[in-house]
């Protein structure tokens, strides 16, 4: 029963999950290449903060885009 719900969640939110994964990877590279030398930046001072912040950002951005594309009328509907 639990696996079925997980498969359904992944199927319904696949783009959002990919956005979170790619956002986390991007956050790591942002921390590694740009980062914060002084350690006073709240987001980029530690790799975990940067990864989580960019993962959440990617999750929401791709989730918004995927929802917008579902609502966008197709050529047949116009």
N, C-alpha and C. Protein backbone atom coordinates (compact mmCIF):
# COMPACT_ATOMS: atom_id res chain seq x y z
N UNK A 1 0.82 -1.20 0.00
CA UNK A 1 0.00 0.00 0.00
C UNK A 1 0.86 1.26 0.00
N UNK A 2 1.92 1.26 0.80
CA UNK A 2 2.78 2.43 0.90
C UNK A 2 3.55 2.67 -0.40
N UNK A 3 4.04 1.59 -1.03
CA UNK A 3 4.78 1.74 -2.28
C UNK A 3 3.90 2.29 -3.38
N UNK A 4 2.64 1.89 -3.40
CA UNK A 4 1.74 2.38 -4.42
C UNK A 4 1.56 3.89 -4.31
N UNK A 5 1.43 4.38 -3.09
CA UNK A 5 1.29 5.82 -2.88
C UNK A 5 2.56 6.56 -3.30
N UNK A 6 3.72 5.96 -3.04
CA UNK A 6 4.98 6.59 -3.41
C UNK A 6 5.11 6.64 -4.93
N UNK A 7 4.74 5.55 -5.60
CA UNK A 7 4.81 5.53 -7.07
C UNK A 7 3.85 6.57 -7.66
N UNK A 8 2.68 6.69 -7.07
CA UNK A 8 1.71 7.67 -7.54
C UNK A 8 2.23 9.10 -7.33
N UNK A 9 2.86 9.34 -6.18
CA UNK A 9 3.43 10.66 -5.90
C UNK A 9 4.53 10.99 -6.89
N UNK A 10 5.41 10.03 -7.16
CA UNK A 10 6.51 10.26 -8.10
C UNK A 10 5.96 10.50 -9.50
N UNK A 11 4.96 9.73 -9.89
CA UNK A 11 4.37 9.90 -11.22
C UNK A 11 3.71 11.28 -11.36
N UNK A 12 3.05 11.74 -10.32
CA UNK A 12 2.35 13.03 -10.39
C UNK A 12 3.28 14.23 -10.22
N UNK A 13 4.40 14.05 -9.55
CA UNK A 13 5.29 15.16 -9.25
C UNK A 13 6.71 14.94 -9.77
N UNK A 14 6.84 14.23 -10.85
CA UNK A 14 8.16 13.89 -11.37
C UNK A 14 9.00 15.10 -11.74
N UNK A 15 8.37 16.09 -12.38
CA UNK A 15 9.13 17.28 -12.78
C UNK A 15 9.60 18.06 -11.56
N UNK A 16 8.76 18.14 -10.55
CA UNK A 16 9.16 18.84 -9.33
C UNK A 16 10.33 18.14 -8.65
N UNK A 17 10.29 16.83 -8.61
CA UNK A 17 11.37 16.07 -7.99
C UNK A 17 12.67 16.29 -8.77
N UNK A 18 12.59 16.24 -10.09
CA UNK A 18 13.78 16.51 -10.90
C UNK A 18 14.29 17.93 -10.67
N UNK A 19 13.40 18.88 -10.53
CA UNK A 19 13.80 20.25 -10.24
C UNK A 19 14.54 20.34 -8.92
N UNK A 20 14.07 19.59 -7.92
CA UNK A 20 14.75 19.58 -6.63
C UNK A 20 16.13 18.95 -6.71
N UNK A 21 16.24 17.86 -7.48
CA UNK A 21 17.54 17.19 -7.63
C UNK A 21 18.53 18.09 -8.35
N UNK A 22 18.11 18.64 -9.49
CA UNK A 22 19.01 19.51 -10.25
C UNK A 22 19.30 20.80 -9.50
N UNK A 23 18.34 21.30 -8.75
CA UNK A 23 18.57 22.49 -7.93
C UNK A 23 19.61 22.22 -6.84
N UNK A 24 19.53 21.05 -6.22
CA UNK A 24 20.52 20.68 -5.20
C UNK A 24 21.91 20.54 -5.78
N UNK A 25 22.00 19.93 -6.95
CA UNK A 25 23.31 19.81 -7.62
C UNK A 25 23.84 21.19 -7.98
N UNK A 26 22.95 22.04 -8.50
CA UNK A 26 23.37 23.41 -8.82
C UNK A 26 23.78 24.18 -7.58
N UNK A 27 23.10 23.95 -6.46
CA UNK A 27 23.45 24.61 -5.21
C UNK A 27 24.83 24.21 -4.72
N UNK A 28 25.16 22.93 -4.89
CA UNK A 28 26.49 22.48 -4.50
C UNK A 28 27.56 23.16 -5.35
N UNK A 29 27.35 23.20 -6.66
CA UNK A 29 28.34 23.83 -7.53
C UNK A 29 28.42 25.33 -7.30
N UNK A 30 27.29 25.95 -6.95
CA UNK A 30 27.31 27.38 -6.62
C UNK A 30 28.15 27.61 -5.36
N UNK A 31 27.95 26.76 -4.35
CA UNK A 31 28.74 26.90 -3.13
C UNK A 31 30.22 26.67 -3.41
N UNK A 32 30.54 25.65 -4.22
CA UNK A 32 31.91 25.30 -4.50
C UNK A 32 32.63 26.37 -5.32
N UNK A 33 31.96 26.90 -6.34
CA UNK A 33 32.63 27.83 -7.24
C UNK A 33 32.50 29.29 -6.83
N UNK A 34 31.38 29.68 -6.27
CA UNK A 34 31.18 31.09 -5.90
C UNK A 34 31.22 31.23 -4.39
N UNK A 35 30.30 30.59 -3.71
CA UNK A 35 30.30 30.51 -2.25
C UNK A 35 30.45 31.83 -1.52
N UNK A 36 30.88 31.71 -0.28
CA UNK A 36 31.07 32.87 0.58
C UNK A 36 32.36 32.66 1.36
N UNK A 37 33.34 33.44 1.06
CA UNK A 37 34.66 33.27 1.66
C UNK A 37 34.66 33.62 3.14
N UNK A 38 33.95 34.67 3.51
CA UNK A 38 34.00 35.13 4.90
C UNK A 38 33.19 34.25 5.85
N UNK A 39 32.23 33.48 5.33
CA UNK A 39 31.42 32.63 6.18
C UNK A 39 30.24 33.33 6.81
N UNK A 40 29.96 34.57 6.41
CA UNK A 40 28.85 35.31 7.01
C UNK A 40 27.58 35.26 6.17
N UNK A 41 27.65 34.69 4.98
CA UNK A 41 26.46 34.59 4.12
C UNK A 41 25.60 33.43 4.62
N UNK A 42 24.33 33.67 4.91
CA UNK A 42 23.51 32.60 5.49
C UNK A 42 23.23 31.44 4.54
N UNK A 43 23.18 31.69 3.25
CA UNK A 43 22.83 30.62 2.31
C UNK A 43 24.07 29.91 1.79
N UNK A 44 25.07 30.63 1.41
CA UNK A 44 26.21 30.02 0.73
C UNK A 44 27.43 29.80 1.61
N UNK A 45 27.31 29.96 2.91
CA UNK A 45 28.48 29.76 3.77
C UNK A 45 28.76 28.27 3.99
N UNK A 46 27.74 27.43 3.97
CA UNK A 46 27.90 25.99 4.18
C UNK A 46 27.28 25.25 2.98
N UNK A 47 27.86 24.14 2.59
CA UNK A 47 27.31 23.44 1.42
C UNK A 47 25.89 22.92 1.64
N UNK A 48 25.58 22.46 2.84
CA UNK A 48 24.24 21.94 3.10
C UNK A 48 23.18 23.02 2.94
N UNK A 49 23.45 24.22 3.46
CA UNK A 49 22.51 25.33 3.32
C UNK A 49 22.26 25.66 1.85
N UNK A 50 23.32 25.70 1.08
CA UNK A 50 23.22 26.04 -0.33
C UNK A 50 22.47 24.95 -1.09
N UNK A 51 22.76 23.69 -0.81
CA UNK A 51 22.10 22.58 -1.50
C UNK A 51 20.60 22.58 -1.20
N UNK A 52 20.24 22.72 0.06
CA UNK A 52 18.83 22.70 0.44
C UNK A 52 18.09 23.90 -0.15
N UNK A 53 18.68 25.07 -0.08
CA UNK A 53 18.03 26.27 -0.61
C UNK A 53 17.77 26.14 -2.10
N UNK A 54 18.77 25.74 -2.86
CA UNK A 54 18.60 25.64 -4.31
C UNK A 54 17.72 24.46 -4.68
N UNK A 55 17.71 23.39 -3.90
CA UNK A 55 16.82 22.25 -4.17
C UNK A 55 15.36 22.67 -3.99
N UNK A 56 15.07 23.39 -2.93
CA UNK A 56 13.70 23.87 -2.71
C UNK A 56 13.31 24.86 -3.81
N UNK A 57 14.23 25.72 -4.18
CA UNK A 57 13.98 26.67 -5.26
C UNK A 57 13.68 25.96 -6.57
N UNK A 58 14.49 24.97 -6.92
CA UNK A 58 14.27 24.20 -8.13
C UNK A 58 12.97 23.43 -8.09
N UNK A 59 12.63 22.87 -6.94
CA UNK A 59 11.38 22.14 -6.77
C UNK A 59 10.19 23.03 -7.05
N UNK A 60 10.20 24.23 -6.47
CA UNK A 60 9.06 25.13 -6.66
C UNK A 60 9.02 25.72 -8.07
N UNK A 61 10.16 26.05 -8.64
CA UNK A 61 10.16 26.63 -9.99
C UNK A 61 9.65 25.63 -11.02
N UNK A 62 10.20 24.42 -11.03
CA UNK A 62 9.73 23.44 -12.00
C UNK A 62 8.30 22.98 -11.69
N UNK A 63 7.91 22.99 -10.43
CA UNK A 63 6.53 22.67 -10.10
C UNK A 63 5.57 23.72 -10.63
N UNK A 64 5.96 24.98 -10.54
CA UNK A 64 5.13 26.06 -11.07
C UNK A 64 5.03 25.97 -12.58
N UNK A 65 6.15 25.71 -13.24
CA UNK A 65 6.15 25.60 -14.70
C UNK A 65 5.31 24.41 -15.14
N UNK A 66 5.45 23.28 -14.47
CA UNK A 66 4.68 22.10 -14.88
C UNK A 66 3.19 22.31 -14.65
N UNK A 67 2.80 22.97 -13.57
CA UNK A 67 1.39 23.27 -13.34
C UNK A 67 0.87 24.26 -14.37
N UNK A 68 1.67 25.22 -14.73
CA UNK A 68 1.28 26.21 -15.73
C UNK A 68 1.08 25.55 -17.09
N UNK A 69 1.95 24.60 -17.42
CA UNK A 69 1.82 23.90 -18.70
C UNK A 69 0.58 23.02 -18.72
N UNK A 70 0.19 22.46 -17.58
CA UNK A 70 -1.04 21.66 -17.53
C UNK A 70 -2.28 22.54 -17.74
N UNK A 71 -2.23 23.78 -17.24
CA UNK A 71 -3.37 24.68 -17.35
C UNK A 71 -3.43 25.39 -18.69
N UNK A 72 -2.31 25.47 -19.39
CA UNK A 72 -2.24 26.18 -20.66
C UNK A 72 -3.11 25.46 -21.70
N UNK A 73 -3.99 26.19 -22.38
CA UNK A 73 -4.85 25.53 -23.37
C UNK A 73 -4.04 25.04 -24.57
N UNK A 74 -4.42 23.90 -25.07
CA UNK A 74 -3.75 23.38 -26.26
C UNK A 74 -4.35 24.01 -27.51
N UNK A 75 -3.76 23.74 -28.64
CA UNK A 75 -4.23 24.30 -29.90
C UNK A 75 -5.64 23.81 -30.23
N UNK A 76 -5.98 22.58 -29.85
CA UNK A 76 -7.30 22.03 -30.13
C UNK A 76 -8.40 22.72 -29.33
N UNK A 77 -8.06 23.19 -28.13
CA UNK A 77 -9.05 23.82 -27.27
C UNK A 77 -9.37 25.24 -27.69
N UNK A 78 -8.49 25.86 -28.43
CA UNK A 78 -8.68 27.27 -28.81
C UNK A 78 -9.62 27.41 -29.93
